[in-house]
N, C-alpha and C. Protein backbone atom coordinates (compact mmCIF):
# COMPACT_ATOMS: atom_id res chain seq x y z
N MET A 1 1.06 -1.22 -0.06
CA MET A 1 -0.04 -0.18 -0.05
C MET A 1 1.00 1.63 -0.29
N LYS A 2 0.72 2.27 -0.59
CA LYS A 2 1.57 3.32 -1.02
C LYS A 2 0.94 4.30 -0.59
N LYS A 3 1.89 5.31 0.34
CA LYS A 3 1.14 6.40 1.34
C LYS A 3 1.76 7.68 0.47
N LYS A 4 1.41 8.71 1.09
CA LYS A 4 1.61 9.69 0.63
C LYS A 4 2.59 10.55 1.58
N PHE A 5 3.21 11.74 1.11
CA PHE A 5 4.36 12.42 2.01
C PHE A 5 3.40 13.14 2.79
N SER A 6 2.09 13.14 3.58
CA SER A 6 1.91 13.99 4.37
C SER A 6 2.26 13.65 5.86
N TYR A 7 2.63 12.80 6.16
CA TYR A 7 2.63 12.68 7.72
C TYR A 7 4.62 11.99 8.38
N PHE A 8 5.06 12.49 7.19
CA PHE A 8 6.50 11.84 7.36
C PHE A 8 7.16 13.53 6.98
N VAL A 9 8.68 13.09 7.05
CA VAL A 9 9.54 14.23 7.13
C VAL A 9 10.87 13.42 6.12
N LEU A 10 11.52 13.67 5.01
CA LEU A 10 12.42 12.72 4.57
C LEU A 10 13.90 13.79 4.14
N PRO A 11 15.19 13.37 4.50
CA PRO A 11 15.19 13.16 5.74
C PRO A 11 15.09 14.13 6.66
N LEU A 12 15.10 15.33 6.59
CA LEU A 12 14.67 16.42 7.68
C LEU A 12 14.15 17.46 6.60
N VAL A 13 13.75 18.17 7.29
CA VAL A 13 12.87 19.44 6.68
C VAL A 13 14.23 20.32 6.17
N LEU A 14 15.14 20.23 7.00
CA LEU A 14 16.69 21.70 6.83
C LEU A 14 17.26 21.05 5.40
N LEU A 15 16.72 19.62 4.83
CA LEU A 15 17.79 19.23 3.87
C LEU A 15 17.25 20.26 2.37
N SER A 16 15.67 20.87 2.29
CA SER A 16 15.22 21.41 1.46
C SER A 16 16.00 22.77 1.12
N SER A 17 16.51 23.20 2.22
CA SER A 17 17.89 24.64 1.85
C SER A 17 18.65 24.31 1.04
N GLY A 18 19.61 23.00 1.10
CA GLY A 18 20.80 22.39 0.74
C GLY A 18 21.83 23.23 1.13
N THR A 19 21.62 23.92 2.17
CA THR A 19 22.63 25.33 2.47
C THR A 19 23.16 24.86 4.06
N LEU A 20 22.62 23.86 5.23
CA LEU A 20 23.14 23.86 6.28
C LEU A 20 23.82 22.77 6.47
N PHE A 21 24.24 21.89 5.61
CA PHE A 21 25.10 20.79 5.71
C PHE A 21 25.95 20.80 4.82
N SER A 22 27.24 20.24 5.60
CA SER A 22 28.63 20.30 3.98
C SER A 22 28.42 18.97 4.07
N GLN A 23 28.81 19.15 2.39
CA GLN A 23 29.18 17.49 1.92
C GLN A 23 31.15 17.47 2.11
N LYS A 24 31.77 16.67 2.67
CA LYS A 24 32.72 16.06 2.50
C LYS A 24 32.89 15.10 1.64
N CYS A 25 34.04 14.68 0.92
CA CYS A 25 34.80 13.71 -0.24
C CYS A 25 36.08 13.59 0.28
N GLU A 26 36.06 12.62 0.79
CA GLU A 26 37.66 12.47 1.27
C GLU A 26 38.38 11.07 1.08
N VAL A 27 39.73 11.07 0.69
CA VAL A 27 40.21 9.96 0.56
C VAL A 27 41.52 10.01 1.24
N ALA A 28 41.58 8.70 2.28
CA ALA A 28 42.55 8.50 3.24
C ALA A 28 42.84 7.00 3.27
N LYS A 29 43.68 6.92 4.28
CA LYS A 29 44.22 5.67 4.23
C LYS A 29 43.55 5.28 6.18
N ASP A 30 43.07 4.13 5.85
CA ASP A 30 42.63 3.22 7.32
C ASP A 30 44.14 3.57 8.19
N PRO A 31 43.90 3.95 9.43
CA PRO A 31 45.04 4.03 10.46
C PRO A 31 45.58 2.84 10.85
N PHE A 32 44.74 2.02 11.02
CA PHE A 32 44.81 0.54 11.46
C PHE A 32 45.03 -1.02 10.63
N THR A 33 44.37 -0.70 9.40
CA THR A 33 44.41 -1.60 8.21
C THR A 33 45.27 -0.77 7.23
N SER A 34 45.39 0.13 7.12
CA SER A 34 46.38 0.97 5.79
C SER A 34 45.89 0.63 4.59
N GLU A 35 44.43 0.23 4.37
CA GLU A 35 43.49 0.07 3.56
C GLU A 35 43.12 1.71 3.18
N ARG A 36 42.96 1.58 1.69
CA ARG A 36 42.23 3.24 1.16
C ARG A 36 40.98 3.38 1.39
N THR A 37 40.91 4.14 1.98
CA THR A 37 39.06 4.70 1.83
C THR A 37 38.71 5.76 1.24
N VAL A 38 37.43 6.21 0.52
CA VAL A 38 36.85 7.04 0.42
C VAL A 38 35.71 7.24 0.80
N VAL A 39 35.15 8.33 1.58
CA VAL A 39 33.95 8.38 2.25
C VAL A 39 33.42 9.98 1.88
N SER A 40 32.04 9.88 1.60
CA SER A 40 31.48 11.20 1.32
C SER A 40 30.18 11.58 2.54
N ASN A 41 30.12 12.00 3.21
CA ASN A 41 29.33 12.35 4.16
C ASN A 41 28.95 13.27 4.13
N TYR A 42 27.34 13.60 3.99
CA TYR A 42 26.40 14.67 3.92
C TYR A 42 25.97 14.47 5.35
N GLY A 43 25.93 15.80 6.29
CA GLY A 43 24.88 15.71 7.20
C GLY A 43 25.23 15.03 8.25
N ASP A 44 26.18 14.27 8.42
CA ASP A 44 26.34 13.25 9.33
C ASP A 44 26.08 11.96 9.38
N LYS A 45 25.97 11.68 8.15
CA LYS A 45 25.24 10.31 7.66
C LYS A 45 23.81 10.23 7.19
N ILE A 46 23.83 11.89 6.79
CA ILE A 46 22.05 11.67 6.39
C ILE A 46 21.88 11.11 4.90
N VAL A 47 23.15 11.11 4.46
CA VAL A 47 23.29 10.48 2.84
C VAL A 47 25.04 10.35 3.26
N TYR A 48 25.41 9.55 2.91
CA TYR A 48 26.84 8.81 3.32
C TYR A 48 27.53 7.55 2.00
N PHE A 49 27.99 8.08 1.50
CA PHE A 49 29.11 6.70 0.92
C PHE A 49 30.22 6.29 1.28
N GLU A 50 30.73 5.24 1.23
CA GLU A 50 32.06 4.62 1.63
C GLU A 50 32.31 3.56 0.55
N ASN A 51 33.97 3.48 0.24
CA ASN A 51 34.25 2.60 -0.90
C ASN A 51 35.65 2.20 0.64
N LYS A 52 35.47 1.17 0.80
CA LYS A 52 36.55 1.01 1.85
C LYS A 52 37.23 -0.40 1.15
N ALA A 53 38.32 -0.54 0.82
CA ALA A 53 39.27 -2.24 0.34
C ALA A 53 37.97 -2.74 -1.09
N GLY A 54 37.86 -1.58 -1.68
CA GLY A 54 36.63 -2.33 -3.14
C GLY A 54 35.39 -2.23 -2.39
N LYS A 55 34.75 -2.33 -0.99
CA LYS A 55 33.61 -2.99 -0.63
C LYS A 55 32.79 -1.60 -0.89
N LEU A 56 31.84 -1.48 -1.88
CA LEU A 56 31.15 -0.17 -1.83
C LEU A 56 29.89 -0.08 -1.03
N LYS A 57 29.49 0.97 -0.24
CA LYS A 57 28.46 0.84 0.69
C LYS A 57 27.80 2.62 0.59
N MET A 58 26.18 2.47 0.72
CA MET A 58 25.36 3.54 0.91
C MET A 58 24.23 3.75 1.96
N GLU A 59 24.51 4.81 2.81
CA GLU A 59 24.13 4.57 4.06
C GLU A 59 23.11 5.77 4.03
N MET A 60 21.57 5.87 3.95
CA MET A 60 20.82 6.67 3.90
C MET A 60 19.93 6.91 5.31
N VAL A 61 19.70 7.70 5.87
CA VAL A 61 18.43 8.04 7.19
C VAL A 61 17.26 8.98 6.25
N PHE A 62 16.31 8.18 6.89
CA PHE A 62 14.87 8.33 6.58
C PHE A 62 14.29 8.78 7.68
N THR A 63 13.53 9.98 7.83
CA THR A 63 13.18 10.49 9.56
C THR A 63 11.52 10.43 9.02
N TYR A 64 10.60 9.75 9.92
CA TYR A 64 9.22 10.08 10.08
C TYR A 64 8.95 10.49 11.19
N ALA A 65 7.89 11.62 11.13
CA ALA A 65 7.27 12.55 12.14
C ALA A 65 6.65 11.53 13.04
N GLY A 66 6.92 11.96 14.87
CA GLY A 66 6.27 11.27 15.51
C GLY A 66 7.33 10.00 16.56
N GLY A 67 6.63 9.66 17.56
CA GLY A 67 7.33 8.49 18.41
C GLY A 67 7.14 7.20 17.57
N ILE A 68 8.09 6.62 16.94
CA ILE A 68 8.08 5.21 16.40
C ILE A 68 8.73 3.95 17.41
N ASP A 69 8.02 2.68 17.17
CA ASP A 69 8.91 1.88 17.89
C ASP A 69 8.94 0.66 17.13
N VAL A 70 8.90 0.34 15.79
CA VAL A 70 8.95 -0.46 15.25
C VAL A 70 10.53 -0.78 14.67
N THR A 71 10.78 -2.04 14.41
CA THR A 71 12.44 -2.06 14.06
C THR A 71 12.09 -2.63 12.42
N MET A 72 12.59 -1.82 11.27
CA MET A 72 12.59 -2.09 9.85
C MET A 72 13.14 -3.41 9.53
N ALA A 73 13.08 -4.36 8.76
CA ALA A 73 13.35 -5.34 8.68
C ALA A 73 14.95 -5.44 7.46
N LYS A 74 15.90 -6.25 7.92
CA LYS A 74 17.07 -6.28 6.70
C LYS A 74 16.33 -6.77 5.23
N GLY A 75 16.65 -5.88 4.42
CA GLY A 75 15.84 -6.46 3.03
C GLY A 75 14.80 -5.34 2.19
N ALA A 76 15.09 -4.45 3.80
CA ALA A 76 13.65 -3.38 2.87
C ALA A 76 14.16 -2.57 1.53
N GLU A 77 13.67 -2.73 0.67
CA GLU A 77 13.59 -2.08 -0.93
C GLU A 77 13.23 -0.71 -0.67
N VAL A 78 14.55 -0.08 -1.61
CA VAL A 78 14.29 1.72 -1.62
C VAL A 78 14.27 1.78 -3.25
N LEU A 79 13.29 2.33 -3.73
CA LEU A 79 13.54 2.75 -5.26
C LEU A 79 13.85 3.93 -5.33
N TYR A 80 14.88 4.20 -6.18
CA TYR A 80 15.36 5.62 -6.79
C TYR A 80 14.87 5.75 -8.33
N LYS A 81 13.79 6.81 -8.44
CA LYS A 81 13.69 7.19 -9.82
C LYS A 81 14.72 8.34 -10.43
N LEU A 82 15.19 8.17 -12.04
CA LEU A 82 16.22 9.37 -11.90
C LEU A 82 15.67 10.28 -12.97
N GLU A 83 16.44 11.34 -12.98
CA GLU A 83 15.25 12.38 -14.07
C GLU A 83 16.18 11.95 -15.62
N ASN A 84 16.81 10.94 -15.90
CA ASN A 84 16.90 10.40 -17.32
C ASN A 84 16.16 9.09 -17.25
N GLU A 85 15.31 8.95 -16.61
CA GLU A 85 14.19 7.59 -16.55
C GLU A 85 14.63 6.37 -15.86
N GLN A 86 16.00 6.32 -15.83
CA GLN A 86 16.58 5.01 -14.99
C GLN A 86 16.20 4.65 -13.51
N THR A 87 16.24 3.66 -13.03
CA THR A 87 15.59 3.37 -11.40
C THR A 87 17.27 2.58 -11.21
N VAL A 88 17.23 2.74 -10.06
CA VAL A 88 18.04 2.37 -9.11
C VAL A 88 17.06 1.57 -7.80
N LYS A 89 17.17 0.19 -7.92
CA LYS A 89 16.83 -0.55 -6.84
C LYS A 89 17.78 -0.91 -5.24
N LEU A 90 17.76 -0.29 -4.35
CA LEU A 90 18.61 -0.90 -3.41
C LEU A 90 17.77 -1.71 -2.23
N VAL A 91 18.73 -2.91 -1.55
CA VAL A 91 18.11 -3.30 -0.48
C VAL A 91 19.09 -3.24 0.62
N SER A 92 18.53 -3.07 1.71
CA SER A 92 18.95 -2.81 3.12
C SER A 92 19.74 -4.44 3.49
N VAL A 93 20.92 -3.77 3.67
CA VAL A 93 21.76 -4.99 4.62
C VAL A 93 21.70 -5.57 5.85
N ASN A 94 21.13 -4.06 6.72
CA ASN A 94 21.16 -4.60 8.23
C ASN A 94 19.28 -3.80 8.61
N GLU A 95 18.82 -4.34 9.71
CA GLU A 95 18.05 -4.21 10.59
C GLU A 95 18.18 -2.41 10.70
N SER A 96 17.24 -1.73 10.64
CA SER A 96 17.07 -0.23 11.31
C SER A 96 16.41 0.13 12.09
N LEU A 97 16.93 0.57 13.32
CA LEU A 97 16.50 0.71 14.75
C LEU A 97 16.02 1.80 14.96
N PRO A 98 14.65 1.84 15.29
CA PRO A 98 14.46 3.57 15.69
C PRO A 98 15.16 4.45 16.63
N LYS A 99 15.18 5.65 15.90
CA LYS A 99 16.18 6.71 17.12
C LYS A 99 15.32 7.93 16.83
N ARG A 100 14.92 8.17 18.14
CA ARG A 100 14.16 9.35 18.25
C ARG A 100 14.89 10.48 18.45
N ILE A 101 14.14 11.68 18.07
CA ILE A 101 14.99 12.89 18.23
C ILE A 101 14.06 14.05 18.13
N ILE A 102 14.13 14.93 18.60
CA ILE A 102 12.92 15.98 18.56
C ILE A 102 14.53 17.40 18.29
N THR A 103 13.83 17.84 16.82
CA THR A 103 14.15 18.83 16.56
C THR A 103 14.70 20.38 16.82
N GLN A 104 15.69 20.86 16.39
CA GLN A 104 15.93 22.14 17.67
C GLN A 104 15.06 23.10 16.35
N ALA A 105 14.58 23.12 15.22
CA ALA A 105 13.96 23.64 14.65
C ALA A 105 12.68 23.97 15.56
N SER A 106 12.04 22.93 15.85
CA SER A 106 10.85 22.81 16.58
C SER A 106 10.62 21.71 17.35
N THR A 107 9.77 21.55 18.31
CA THR A 107 9.80 20.61 19.35
C THR A 107 8.89 19.36 18.81
N GLN A 108 8.95 18.92 17.64
CA GLN A 108 8.68 18.10 17.16
C GLN A 108 9.18 16.79 17.11
N LEU A 109 8.88 15.76 17.44
CA LEU A 109 9.27 14.76 17.52
C LEU A 109 9.30 13.50 16.50
N THR A 110 10.71 13.30 16.22
CA THR A 110 10.36 12.26 14.86
C THR A 110 11.40 11.41 15.40
N THR A 111 11.19 10.23 14.27
CA THR A 111 12.29 9.04 14.40
C THR A 111 13.20 8.76 13.06
N ASN A 112 14.46 8.57 13.06
CA ASN A 112 14.95 8.13 12.37
C ASN A 112 15.52 6.89 12.40
N TYR A 113 15.50 6.72 10.87
CA TYR A 113 15.77 4.67 10.23
C TYR A 113 16.69 5.30 9.56
N SER A 114 18.21 4.83 9.84
CA SER A 114 19.13 4.88 9.32
C SER A 114 19.20 3.45 8.39
N TYR A 115 19.26 3.39 6.87
CA TYR A 115 19.19 1.79 5.97
C TYR A 115 20.80 2.07 5.20
N VAL A 116 21.37 0.67 5.89
CA VAL A 116 22.58 0.47 4.79
C VAL A 116 22.72 -0.14 3.70
N PHE A 117 22.95 0.14 2.81
CA PHE A 117 23.00 -0.75 1.32
C PHE A 117 24.38 -1.15 1.04
N ASP A 118 24.61 -2.52 0.14
CA ASP A 118 25.77 -2.68 -0.59
C ASP A 118 25.39 -1.94 -1.82
N ILE A 119 26.11 -1.10 -2.43
CA ILE A 119 25.74 -0.42 -3.83
C ILE A 119 27.20 -0.99 -5.00
N THR A 120 26.79 -0.79 -6.28
CA THR A 120 27.39 -1.69 -7.72
C THR A 120 27.97 -0.37 -7.91
N VAL A 121 29.22 -0.30 -8.43
CA VAL A 121 29.66 1.17 -9.61
C VAL A 121 29.04 1.44 -10.88
N ASP A 122 28.01 0.57 -11.14
CA ASP A 122 26.96 0.78 -12.07
C ASP A 122 26.25 1.61 -11.37
N ASP A 123 25.40 1.28 -10.17
CA ASP A 123 24.49 2.29 -9.43
C ASP A 123 25.05 3.46 -9.20
N LEU A 124 26.27 3.99 -8.81
CA LEU A 124 27.15 4.57 -8.73
C LEU A 124 26.85 5.60 -9.64
N LYS A 125 27.58 5.17 -10.59
CA LYS A 125 27.16 5.99 -11.93
C LYS A 125 25.95 6.51 -12.32
N LYS A 126 25.17 5.85 -11.91
CA LYS A 126 23.38 5.93 -12.60
C LYS A 126 23.36 7.65 -11.39
N PHE A 127 23.65 7.46 -10.58
CA PHE A 127 23.28 8.20 -9.20
C PHE A 127 24.10 9.82 -10.05
N ALA A 128 25.35 9.07 -10.04
CA ALA A 128 26.31 10.66 -10.49
C ALA A 128 25.79 11.17 -11.94
N ALA A 129 25.12 10.61 -12.83
CA ALA A 129 24.69 10.86 -13.82
C ALA A 129 23.12 11.50 -14.43
N SER A 130 22.74 11.15 -13.27
CA SER A 130 20.86 12.36 -12.98
C SER A 130 20.67 12.05 -11.98
N LYS A 131 19.71 13.40 -11.44
CA LYS A 131 19.41 13.72 -10.29
C LYS A 131 17.75 12.90 -10.05
N VAL A 132 18.15 12.40 -8.90
CA VAL A 132 16.70 11.86 -8.23
C VAL A 132 15.84 12.83 -8.44
N VAL A 133 14.42 11.95 -8.89
CA VAL A 133 13.41 12.58 -8.76
C VAL A 133 12.49 12.24 -8.26
N PHE A 134 12.53 10.62 -8.09
CA PHE A 134 11.10 10.21 -6.94
C PHE A 134 12.02 9.05 -5.98
N ILE A 135 11.46 8.90 -4.91
CA ILE A 135 12.37 7.78 -4.09
C ILE A 135 10.81 7.37 -3.29
N ARG A 136 10.94 6.01 -3.46
CA ARG A 136 9.91 4.91 -2.95
C ARG A 136 10.59 4.14 -1.87
N PHE A 137 9.69 4.30 -0.65
CA PHE A 137 10.81 4.07 0.54
C PHE A 137 10.06 3.06 1.62
N PRO A 138 10.30 2.08 2.93
CA PRO A 138 9.44 1.47 3.53
C PRO A 138 8.75 2.74 4.43
N ASP A 139 6.81 2.21 4.53
CA ASP A 139 6.49 2.91 5.44
C ASP A 139 6.69 2.34 6.37
N THR A 140 6.57 2.95 7.79
CA THR A 140 6.74 2.08 8.94
C THR A 140 5.02 1.29 9.57
N LYS A 141 4.47 1.74 8.75
CA LYS A 141 3.00 0.98 9.15
C LYS A 141 2.90 0.07 7.87
N GLY A 142 3.55 -0.40 7.13
CA GLY A 142 3.24 -1.09 6.09
C GLY A 142 3.16 -0.39 5.29
N GLY A 143 3.69 -1.33 3.98
CA GLY A 143 3.54 -0.73 2.35
C GLY A 143 4.53 0.45 1.82
N THR A 144 4.51 1.40 1.48
CA THR A 144 5.64 2.02 1.03
C THR A 144 5.26 3.66 1.07
N SER A 145 5.88 5.04 1.22
CA SER A 145 5.55 5.98 1.08
C SER A 145 6.33 6.53 -0.29
N ASP A 146 6.07 7.47 -0.78
CA ASP A 146 6.89 8.18 -1.83
C ASP A 146 7.54 9.55 -1.75
N PHE A 147 8.82 10.08 -1.88
CA PHE A 147 9.02 11.49 -1.69
C PHE A 147 9.21 11.73 -2.87
N GLU A 148 9.33 13.18 -3.61
CA GLU A 148 9.73 14.01 -4.57
C GLU A 148 10.62 14.56 -4.57
N GLY A 149 11.36 14.05 -5.13
CA GLY A 149 13.02 14.93 -5.25
C GLY A 149 13.18 16.30 -4.63
N LYS A 150 11.68 16.96 -5.69
CA LYS A 150 12.07 18.54 -5.81
C LYS A 150 11.54 19.12 -4.56
N ASN A 151 11.24 17.90 -3.41
CA ASN A 151 11.03 18.77 -1.98
C ASN A 151 12.06 18.66 -1.18
N GLY A 152 13.40 18.27 -2.02
CA GLY A 152 14.35 18.09 -1.18
C GLY A 152 15.81 18.33 -1.58
N LYS A 153 15.89 19.36 -2.11
CA LYS A 153 17.13 19.55 -3.16
C LYS A 153 18.32 19.32 -2.47
N GLY A 154 18.46 19.53 -1.30
CA GLY A 154 19.81 19.49 -0.58
C GLY A 154 19.89 18.02 -0.51
N LEU A 155 19.09 17.10 -0.34
CA LEU A 155 19.28 15.41 -0.27
C LEU A 155 19.35 14.82 -2.10
N VAL A 156 18.98 15.39 -3.02
CA VAL A 156 18.73 15.16 -4.42
C VAL A 156 20.39 15.45 -4.80
N LYS A 157 20.82 16.64 -4.12
CA LYS A 157 21.96 17.01 -4.40
C LYS A 157 23.48 16.06 -4.13
N ALA A 158 23.24 15.59 -2.51
CA ALA A 158 23.80 14.98 -1.41
C ALA A 158 24.28 13.49 -2.22
N ILE A 159 22.95 13.02 -2.95
CA ILE A 159 23.25 11.64 -3.56
C ILE A 159 23.82 12.11 -4.75
N MET A 160 23.64 12.84 -5.39
CA MET A 160 24.33 13.14 -6.68
C MET A 160 25.60 13.22 -6.67
N LYS A 161 26.13 14.30 -5.53
CA LYS A 161 27.96 14.54 -5.23
C LYS A 161 28.14 13.73 -4.58
N GLY A 162 27.68 12.82 -3.82
CA GLY A 162 28.27 11.49 -3.39
C GLY A 162 28.65 10.44 -4.26
N ALA A 163 27.74 10.34 -5.11
CA ALA A 163 28.00 9.57 -6.03
C ALA A 163 29.43 9.67 -6.78
N GLU A 164 29.16 10.62 -7.29
CA GLU A 164 30.22 11.71 -8.28
C GLU A 164 31.33 11.51 -7.26
N CYS A 165 31.75 11.49 -5.97
CA CYS A 165 32.88 11.19 -5.60
C CYS A 165 33.17 9.99 -5.34
N MET A 166 32.99 8.92 -5.27
CA MET A 166 32.95 7.71 -5.51
C MET A 166 33.33 7.14 -6.77
N VAL A 167 32.91 7.63 -7.70
CA VAL A 167 32.98 7.21 -9.20
C VAL A 167 34.45 7.88 -9.65
N GLU A 168 34.77 8.80 -8.97
CA GLU A 168 36.22 9.52 -9.52
C GLU A 168 37.24 9.54 -8.75
N ASN A 169 36.97 8.41 -7.74
CA ASN A 169 38.09 7.92 -6.12
C ASN A 169 37.79 6.64 -6.73
N PHE A 170 37.26 5.97 -7.73
CA PHE A 170 37.20 4.15 -7.72
C PHE A 170 38.25 3.66 -7.81
N LYS A 171 38.66 2.59 -7.29
CA LYS A 171 40.30 2.27 -7.96
C LYS A 171 40.07 0.93 -7.46
């Protein structure tokens, strides 16, 4: 069952401005393993990409209005529709536990869920080449919810720039 955007926030209302968080693309050496790592981090892992020893992952935080006590199962699917009509389907590799927060901008209680995905170079190239215009993701009450990219320009830019970072630094 598909739900509308009316009762949740994705990932934070603050993302719509695109100016409140900085995005970093860093290439470094892991101090313990000496492995080369590439990381793109936007807003303290609201959108996060990592390449460590050739293993690619993407992490994205979805925020829902209210206090929710549901664990989102491993295997949750998130679909991304791109401006060039291509789609990317990612499947979570972990359970996502609720993390309740009260935003500083208001006294509204929200619940964050962080989904971690393994991602391919081909999917990274798709994200780097075209803007996300639509996201379909799990709803905490069952079914799916939809989000239009035009409502979160900072989020759309973070996905595209993070993917570009990974593609440019892939070895």
